Amino acid sequence: MPHSNPSFLSREQVLASWHHCIWAHVVSPPLFEEWVRPSLRVRHLHAGQYLWRAGERPTAWVGVMRGAVKLCVPTEDGRSIALCGFAGSWFGEASLLHEGACFDCDAVALHDLTMLTLPAEAFQHLLRESPTFSRFLLGLMAERNLQFMRLNTAQQLPNITSRVARCLGALITPLNFPFPDAGQLNVTQSELADFCRVSRSRLNEALLALEREGLLELGYRSVRLKDVERLRVYPRP
């Protein structure tokens, strides 16, 4: 059973830490008790499983409670841009806001994943009844749009060290990384190479150079970003 896997969180564990959710503060207690708590559903996926595929219709807003997700957005040249969602982030709101829209990307679990879903009906009810929730969504979408532009720009840089630095800097945003250890990325170098659109060998060279400059720290299957602001503008001091 999924709940026997120590990598997964139970519904009880998720709700017990609800106050850490990035939008817990924007919904009134009555709305939460009437619409949010009864509607929330916990799902468990193993690494490599799909949350959804491009072309499917959205049925819920999705939050990552534990693990990480890769969103693969196709580009005109046939390649894809990979955005990552780590524990604490929520996504899928854009498709829910457009009636009849389908997902334009694949969503794949990078690690064993505990995800929380808020069905479309409850999501739309919060939009109608909670101005603070609506404002939060506007802020979230604005942040994601800026993140996407930073990443797209970074992936075009010819200098590989600059490309890797700025891609990593684009990855961290306040709403997608709300926790104190936000700079700790528990991902493999293969996953990061895909994210930065470089070969694994070139990625390793760039990471070592950035580590020597004190901008990050390499670990086993992990990278800790020590200075996100400098990574975003690298190589400027």
Protein backbone atom coordinates (compact mmCIF):
# COMPACT_ATOMS: atom_id res chain seq x y z
CA MET A 1 0.00 0.00 0.00
CA PRO A 2 1.27 3.53 -0.79
CA HIS A 3 1.10 4.71 2.82
CA SER A 4 3.60 1.98 3.86
CA ASN A 5 6.31 3.66 1.78
CA PRO A 6 8.33 5.98 4.08
CA SER A 7 8.78 8.39 1.16
CA PHE A 8 5.04 9.09 1.16
CA LEU A 9 2.99 11.27 3.49
CA SER A 10 -0.46 10.32 4.77
CA ARG A 11 -3.46 12.66 4.59
CA GLU A 12 -3.19 13.13 8.36
CA GLN A 13 0.45 14.19 8.07
CA VAL A 14 -0.35 16.62 5.26
CA LEU A 15 -3.22 18.29 7.13
CA ALA A 16 -1.18 18.47 10.34
CA SER A 17 1.32 20.71 8.55
CA TRP A 18 -1.30 22.67 6.58
CA HIS A 19 -0.23 25.97 8.16
CA HIS A 20 2.98 25.70 6.09
CA CYS A 21 1.01 25.67 2.83
CA ILE A 22 1.78 28.74 0.71
CA TRP A 23 -1.91 29.71 0.47
CA ALA A 24 -3.17 28.59 3.89
CA HIS A 25 -3.21 32.20 5.13
CA VAL A 26 -5.38 33.55 2.28
CA VAL A 27 -8.49 31.44 2.93
CA SER A 28 -10.76 32.17 5.87
CA PRO A 29 -11.30 29.41 8.47
CA PRO A 30 -14.98 28.96 7.48
CA LEU A 31 -14.09 28.55 3.80
CA PHE A 32 -11.32 26.15 4.68
CA GLU A 33 -13.57 23.96 6.84
CA GLU A 34 -16.49 24.00 4.40
CA TRP A 35 -14.72 23.75 1.04
CA VAL A 36 -11.01 23.06 1.34
CA ARG A 37 -10.58 20.39 4.01
CA PRO A 38 -13.37 18.09 2.72
CA SER A 39 -12.18 18.46 -0.88
CA LEU A 40 -8.44 17.86 -0.52
CA ARG A 41 -7.23 14.52 -1.83
CA VAL A 42 -3.81 12.92 -1.30
CA ARG A 43 -2.18 10.95 -4.13
CA HIS A 44 1.07 8.99 -4.17
CA LEU A 45 3.17 8.45 -7.29
CA HIS A 46 6.48 6.68 -7.80
CA ALA A 47 9.38 8.30 -9.63
CA GLY A 48 8.72 8.34 -13.38
CA GLN A 49 4.94 8.19 -13.12
CA TYR A 50 2.87 10.89 -14.80
CA LEU A 51 0.68 13.32 -12.90
CA TRP A 52 -0.85 14.19 -16.26
CA ARG A 53 0.01 14.25 -19.96
CA ALA A 54 -0.24 17.09 -22.44
CA GLY A 55 -3.72 17.23 -23.94
CA GLU A 56 -5.56 15.98 -20.85
CA ARG A 57 -8.16 18.22 -19.26
CA PRO A 58 -7.42 19.49 -15.75
CA THR A 59 -9.64 18.26 -12.94
CA ALA A 60 -7.84 19.76 -9.94
CA TRP A 61 -5.22 22.18 -8.68
CA VAL A 62 -2.08 20.30 -7.62
CA GLY A 63 0.35 20.83 -4.75
CA VAL A 64 3.64 19.02 -4.10
CA MET A 65 3.84 17.92 -0.48
CA ARG A 66 6.97 15.74 -0.73
CA GLY A 67 9.21 14.98 -3.69
CA ALA A 68 9.62 16.87 -6.93
CA VAL A 69 7.87 17.21 -10.29
CA LYS A 70 9.18 18.04 -13.76
CA LEU A 71 6.93 19.98 -16.13
CA CYS A 72 7.99 19.47 -19.75
CA VAL A 73 6.82 22.31 -22.01
CA PRO A 74 7.37 21.73 -25.77
CA THR A 75 8.95 24.49 -27.85
CA GLU A 76 8.56 25.33 -31.54
CA ASP A 77 11.86 23.65 -32.43
CA GLY A 78 10.65 20.31 -31.07
CA ARG A 79 12.66 20.41 -27.85
CA SER A 80 11.21 20.99 -24.41
CA ILE A 81 11.69 23.37 -21.52
CA ALA A 82 11.67 21.66 -18.14
CA LEU A 83 10.30 23.51 -15.14
CA CYS A 84 10.59 21.93 -11.72
CA GLY A 85 8.14 21.98 -8.84
CA PHE A 86 9.48 21.00 -5.43
CA ALA A 87 7.80 20.42 -2.07
CA GLY A 88 5.63 23.41 -1.22
CA SER A 89 4.80 24.48 -4.77
CA TRP A 90 1.35 24.44 -6.41
CA PHE A 91 0.66 24.46 -10.14
CA GLY A 92 -1.94 23.86 -12.84
CA GLU A 93 -4.00 26.97 -12.07
CA ALA A 94 -3.64 28.47 -15.57
CA SER A 95 -5.41 25.54 -17.22
CA LEU A 96 -8.19 25.62 -14.61
CA LEU A 97 -8.77 29.33 -15.20
CA HIS A 98 -9.42 28.82 -18.92
CA GLU A 99 -12.69 26.96 -19.43
CA GLY A 100 -12.22 24.01 -21.75
CA ALA A 101 -8.42 24.30 -21.72
CA CYS A 102 -6.15 21.26 -21.75
CA PHE A 103 -2.72 20.86 -20.21
CA ASP A 104 0.01 21.96 -22.63
CA CYS A 105 2.78 20.06 -20.84
CA ASP A 106 3.57 16.70 -19.31
CA ALA A 107 4.01 16.49 -15.54
CA VAL A 108 6.28 13.69 -14.31
CA ALA A 109 7.34 12.71 -10.78
CA LEU A 110 11.11 13.08 -10.37
CA HIS A 111 11.05 11.23 -7.03
CA ASP A 112 8.49 9.28 -5.04
CA LEU A 113 5.82 11.92 -4.69
CA THR A 114 3.07 12.90 -2.30
CA MET A 115 0.73 15.32 -4.03
CA LEU A 116 -2.37 17.12 -2.83
CA THR A 117 -5.23 17.95 -5.19
CA LEU A 118 -8.01 20.51 -4.83
CA PRO A 119 -10.84 19.63 -7.24
CA ALA A 120 -11.86 22.18 -9.86
CA GLU A 121 -15.25 22.81 -8.22
CA ALA A 122 -13.65 23.83 -4.91
CA PHE A 123 -10.99 25.85 -6.73
CA GLN A 124 -13.64 27.83 -8.64
CA HIS A 125 -15.67 28.36 -5.46
CA LEU A 126 -12.65 29.89 -3.71
CA LEU A 127 -12.13 32.20 -6.68
CA ARG A 128 -15.71 33.46 -6.39
CA GLU A 129 -15.85 33.73 -2.62
CA SER A 130 -12.35 34.78 -1.57
CA PRO A 131 -10.76 37.98 -2.95
CA THR A 132 -7.58 37.21 -1.03
CA PHE A 133 -7.33 33.82 -2.77
CA SER A 134 -7.79 35.50 -6.16
CA ARG A 135 -5.04 38.01 -5.40
CA PHE A 136 -2.76 35.21 -4.28
CA LEU A 137 -3.29 33.40 -7.60
CA LEU A 138 -2.44 36.56 -9.54
CA GLY A 139 0.81 36.86 -7.61
CA LEU A 140 1.61 33.18 -8.14
CA MET A 141 1.04 33.41 -11.89
CA ALA A 142 3.09 36.60 -12.16
CA GLU A 143 5.97 34.93 -10.33
CA ARG A 144 5.78 31.86 -12.56
CA ASN A 145 5.75 34.01 -15.69
CA LEU A 146 8.90 35.82 -14.51
CA GLN A 147 10.51 32.48 -13.67
CA PHE A 148 9.73 31.14 -17.14
CA MET A 149 11.23 34.22 -18.84
CA ARG A 150 14.39 34.01 -16.72
CA LEU A 151 14.79 30.33 -17.49
CA ASN A 152 14.14 30.72 -21.22
CA THR A 153 16.73 33.52 -21.40
CA ALA A 154 19.27 31.56 -19.35
CA GLN A 155 18.98 28.48 -21.56
CA GLN A 156 20.07 30.48 -24.61
CA LEU A 157 23.37 31.69 -23.11
CA PRO A 158 26.41 30.38 -25.02
CA ASN A 159 28.68 30.33 -21.97
CA ILE A 160 27.86 27.08 -20.19
CA THR A 161 28.83 28.21 -16.67
CA SER A 162 26.67 31.31 -17.03
CA ARG A 163 23.82 29.22 -18.42
CA VAL A 164 23.93 26.77 -15.52
CA ALA A 165 24.24 29.53 -12.92
CA ARG A 166 21.30 31.50 -14.26
CA CYS A 167 19.12 28.42 -14.76
CA LEU A 168 19.69 27.49 -11.12
CA GLY A 169 18.96 31.07 -10.09
CA ALA A 170 15.72 31.03 -12.08
CA LEU A 171 14.65 27.83 -10.35
CA ILE A 172 14.26 29.47 -6.93
CA THR A 173 11.23 31.71 -6.40
CA PRO A 174 9.55 32.70 -3.10
CA LEU A 175 6.21 30.97 -3.68
CA ASN A 176 7.69 27.84 -5.21
CA PHE A 177 10.29 27.53 -2.45
CA PRO A 178 8.64 28.71 0.77
CA PHE A 179 10.72 26.74 3.27
CA PRO A 180 14.01 27.60 5.06
CA ASP A 181 15.94 24.90 3.13
CA ALA A 182 14.67 26.24 -0.20
CA GLY A 183 18.14 26.21 -1.73
CA GLN A 184 18.60 22.47 -1.14
CA LEU A 185 17.93 20.66 -4.43
CA ASN A 186 17.76 16.90 -4.00
CA VAL A 187 18.16 16.07 -7.68
CA THR A 188 20.70 14.17 -9.74
CA GLN A 189 23.12 15.82 -12.14
CA SER A 190 21.28 14.12 -15.02
CA GLU A 191 18.07 15.87 -13.96
CA LEU A 192 19.87 19.20 -13.63
CA ALA A 193 21.53 18.76 -17.03
CA ASP A 194 18.11 18.30 -18.59
CA PHE A 195 16.83 21.38 -16.77
CA CYS A 196 19.77 23.52 -17.94
CA ARG A 197 19.82 21.94 -21.42
CA VAL A 198 23.48 20.98 -21.29
CA SER A 199 25.36 17.67 -21.33
CA ARG A 200 26.08 16.04 -17.99
CA SER A 201 29.85 16.49 -18.41
CA ARG A 202 29.49 20.22 -19.18
CA LEU A 203 27.09 20.59 -16.26
CA ASN A 204 29.60 18.97 -13.89
CA GLU A 205 32.34 21.37 -15.04
CA ALA A 206 30.06 24.36 -14.50
CA LEU A 207 28.93 23.18 -11.05
CA LEU A 208 32.51 22.69 -9.92
CA ALA A 209 33.40 26.19 -11.13
CA LEU A 210 30.44 27.69 -9.29
CA GLU A 211 31.31 25.73 -6.16
CA ARG A 212 34.85 27.13 -6.23
CA GLU A 213 33.32 30.62 -6.30
CA GLY A 214 31.24 29.80 -3.22
CA LEU A 215 27.87 30.10 -4.98
CA LEU A 216 26.76 26.53 -4.33
CA GLU A 217 27.76 23.33 -2.55
CA LEU A 218 27.70 19.89 -4.15
CA GLY A 219 26.59 16.78 -2.31
CA TYR A 220 25.53 13.24 -3.12
CA ARG A 221 22.56 13.58 -5.48
CA SER A 222 22.09 17.15 -4.26
CA VAL A 223 23.07 20.76 -4.82
CA ARG A 224 22.72 23.49 -2.19
CA LEU A 225 22.42 26.98 -3.64
CA LYS A 226 24.21 29.42 -1.33
CA ASP A 227 23.72 32.72 -3.20
CA VAL A 228 20.65 32.72 -5.47
CA GLU A 229 20.84 36.43 -6.27
CA ARG A 230 24.41 36.17 -7.58
CA LEU A 231 23.51 33.06 -9.57
CA ARG A 232 20.69 34.98 -11.27
CA VAL A 233 23.07 37.66 -12.61
CA TYR A 234 26.20 35.56 -13.04
CA PRO A 235 28.96 36.41 -13.97
CA ARG A 236 28.41 39.97 -12.71
CA PRO A 237 29.75 40.53 -9.14
